[in-house]
Amino acid sequence: MTDKARDPRALNSVKGAAPATAQIQMRVDPDVKNRYVAQAQREGMKLSEWIQHHLDAVCQSADKAKLQDTKTSD
């Protein structure tokens, strides 16, 4: 073990998850970012947590749809 303090930036925004080491960067219009931040706050989340939550939901929905397509084509 090391006595080095863990870099808080390495913590995943989703509570209880493994430390995050990868980054995603994107550019948006400031008004769009402000809209995202405001919605994240309304949902009680930080922006990065809110983005991850919604991207995960889209992926899960796509996975379910793909599974259903596979089942109906059998």
C-alpha atoms as a PDB file:
ATOM      1  CA  MET A   1       0.000   0.000   0.000  1.00  0.00           C
ATOM      2  CA  THR A   2       1.019   3.568  -0.490  1.00  0.00           C
ATOM      3  CA  ASP A   3       0.662   6.554   1.813  1.00  0.00           C
ATOM      4  CA  LYS A   4      -0.110   8.707  -1.185  1.00  0.00           C
ATOM      5  CA  ALA A   5      -3.540  10.300  -1.035  1.00  0.00           C
ATOM      6  CA  ARG A   6      -5.897   9.258  -3.802  1.00  0.00           C
ATOM      7  CA  ASP A   7      -6.478  11.949  -6.403  1.00  0.00           C
ATOM      8  CA  PRO A   8     -10.174  12.897  -5.992  1.00  0.00           C
ATOM      9  CA  ARG A   9     -10.355  13.580  -9.737  1.00  0.00           C
ATOM     10  CA  ALA A  10      -9.866   9.840 -10.289  1.00  0.00           C
ATOM     11  CA  LEU A  11     -13.072   8.974  -8.446  1.00  0.00           C
ATOM     12  CA  ASN A  12     -15.992   7.979 -10.598  1.00  0.00           C
ATOM     13  CA  SER A  13     -18.931  10.360 -10.403  1.00  0.00           C
ATOM     14  CA  VAL A  14     -21.267   7.406  -9.888  1.00  0.00           C
ATOM     15  CA  LYS A  15     -21.146   6.494  -6.213  1.00  0.00           C
ATOM     16  CA  GLY A  16     -19.608   3.150  -5.318  1.00  0.00           C
ATOM     17  CA  ALA A  17     -18.085   2.536  -8.731  1.00  0.00           C
ATOM     18  CA  ALA A  18     -14.428   1.772  -9.388  1.00  0.00           C
ATOM     19  CA  PRO A  19     -12.066   4.728  -9.780  1.00  0.00           C
ATOM     20  CA  ALA A  20     -12.373   6.335 -13.188  1.00  0.00           C
ATOM     21  CA  THR A  21      -9.229   6.658 -15.266  1.00  0.00           C
ATOM     22  CA  ALA A  22     -10.602   7.556 -18.712  1.00  0.00           C
ATOM     23  CA  GLN A  23     -11.917  10.940 -19.803  1.00  0.00           C
ATOM     24  CA  ILE A  24     -14.488  12.117 -22.311  1.00  0.00           C
ATOM     25  CA  GLN A  25     -14.301  15.696 -23.491  1.00  0.00           C
ATOM     26  CA  MET A  26     -16.773  17.537 -25.676  1.00  0.00           C
ATOM     27  CA  ARG A  27     -17.397  21.087 -26.722  1.00  0.00           C
ATOM     28  CA  VAL A  28     -20.842  22.634 -26.513  1.00  0.00           C
ATOM     29  CA  ASP A  29     -22.297  26.098 -26.739  1.00  0.00           C
ATOM     30  CA  PRO A  30     -22.226  27.814 -23.303  1.00  0.00           C
ATOM     31  CA  ASP A  31     -26.036  28.034 -23.299  1.00  0.00           C
ATOM     32  CA  VAL A  32     -26.264  24.278 -23.835  1.00  0.00           C
ATOM     33  CA  LYS A  33     -23.851  23.630 -20.972  1.00  0.00           C
ATOM     34  CA  ASN A  34     -25.822  25.954 -18.712  1.00  0.00           C
ATOM     35  CA  ARG A  35     -28.977  24.026 -19.599  1.00  0.00           C
ATOM     36  CA  TYR A  36     -27.260  20.704 -18.753  1.00  0.00           C
ATOM     37  CA  VAL A  37     -25.922  22.072 -15.466  1.00  0.00           C
ATOM     38  CA  ALA A  38     -29.335  23.435 -14.482  1.00  0.00           C
ATOM     39  CA  GLN A  39     -31.042  20.118 -15.227  1.00  0.00           C
ATOM     40  CA  ALA A  40     -28.372  18.159 -13.354  1.00  0.00           C
ATOM     41  CA  GLN A  41     -28.908  20.412 -10.338  1.00  0.00           C
ATOM     42  CA  ARG A  42     -32.680  19.907 -10.545  1.00  0.00           C
ATOM     43  CA  GLU A  43     -32.024  16.148 -10.464  1.00  0.00           C
ATOM     44  CA  GLY A  44     -29.625  16.563  -7.516  1.00  0.00           C
ATOM     45  CA  MET A  45     -26.512  15.526  -9.445  1.00  0.00           C
ATOM     46  CA  LYS A  46     -23.203  16.979 -10.504  1.00  0.00           C
ATOM     47  CA  LEU A  47     -22.888  17.535 -14.243  1.00  0.00           C
ATOM     48  CA  SER A  48     -20.538  14.595 -14.840  1.00  0.00           C
ATOM     49  CA  GLU A  49     -22.774  12.277 -12.804  1.00  0.00           C
ATOM     50  CA  TRP A  50     -25.861  13.459 -14.727  1.00  0.00           C
ATOM     51  CA  ILE A  51     -24.182  12.943 -18.112  1.00  0.00           C
ATOM     52  CA  GLN A  52     -22.985   9.460 -17.147  1.00  0.00           C
ATOM     53  CA  HIS A  53     -26.416   8.527 -15.789  1.00  0.00           C
ATOM     54  CA  HIS A  54     -28.160   9.529 -19.016  1.00  0.00           C
ATOM     55  CA  LEU A  55     -25.588   7.969 -21.350  1.00  0.00           C
ATOM     56  CA  ASP A  56     -25.800   4.721 -19.372  1.00  0.00           C
ATOM     57  CA  ALA A  57     -29.605   4.800 -19.681  1.00  0.00           C
ATOM     58  CA  VAL A  58     -29.382   5.215 -23.462  1.00  0.00           C
ATOM     59  CA  CYS A  59     -26.963   2.274 -23.727  1.00  0.00           C
ATOM     60  CA  GLN A  60     -29.156   0.078 -21.530  1.00  0.00           C
ATOM     61  CA  SER A  61     -32.196   0.929 -23.623  1.00  0.00           C
ATOM     62  CA  ALA A  62     -30.313   0.098 -26.823  1.00  0.00           C
ATOM     63  CA  ASP A  63     -29.139  -3.211 -25.320  1.00  0.00           C
ATOM     64  CA  LYS A  64     -32.730  -4.137 -24.387  1.00  0.00           C
ATOM     65  CA  ALA A  65     -33.977  -3.233 -27.865  1.00  0.00           C
ATOM     66  CA  LYS A  66     -31.244  -5.334 -29.471  1.00  0.00           C
ATOM     67  CA  LEU A  67     -32.080  -8.271 -27.209  1.00  0.00           C
ATOM     68  CA  GLN A  68     -35.762  -7.972 -28.103  1.00  0.00           C
ATOM     69  CA  ASP A  69     -34.905  -7.851 -31.826  1.00  0.00           C
ATOM     70  CA  THR A  70     -32.841 -11.011 -31.408  1.00  0.00           C
ATOM     71  CA  LYS A  71     -35.676 -12.793 -29.604  1.00  0.00           C
ATOM     72  CA  THR A  72     -38.307 -11.821 -32.179  1.00  0.00           C
ATOM     73  CA  SER A  73     -36.152 -12.867 -35.142  1.00  0.00           C
ATOM     74  CA  ASP A  74     -35.728 -16.422 -33.783  1.00  0.00           C
END
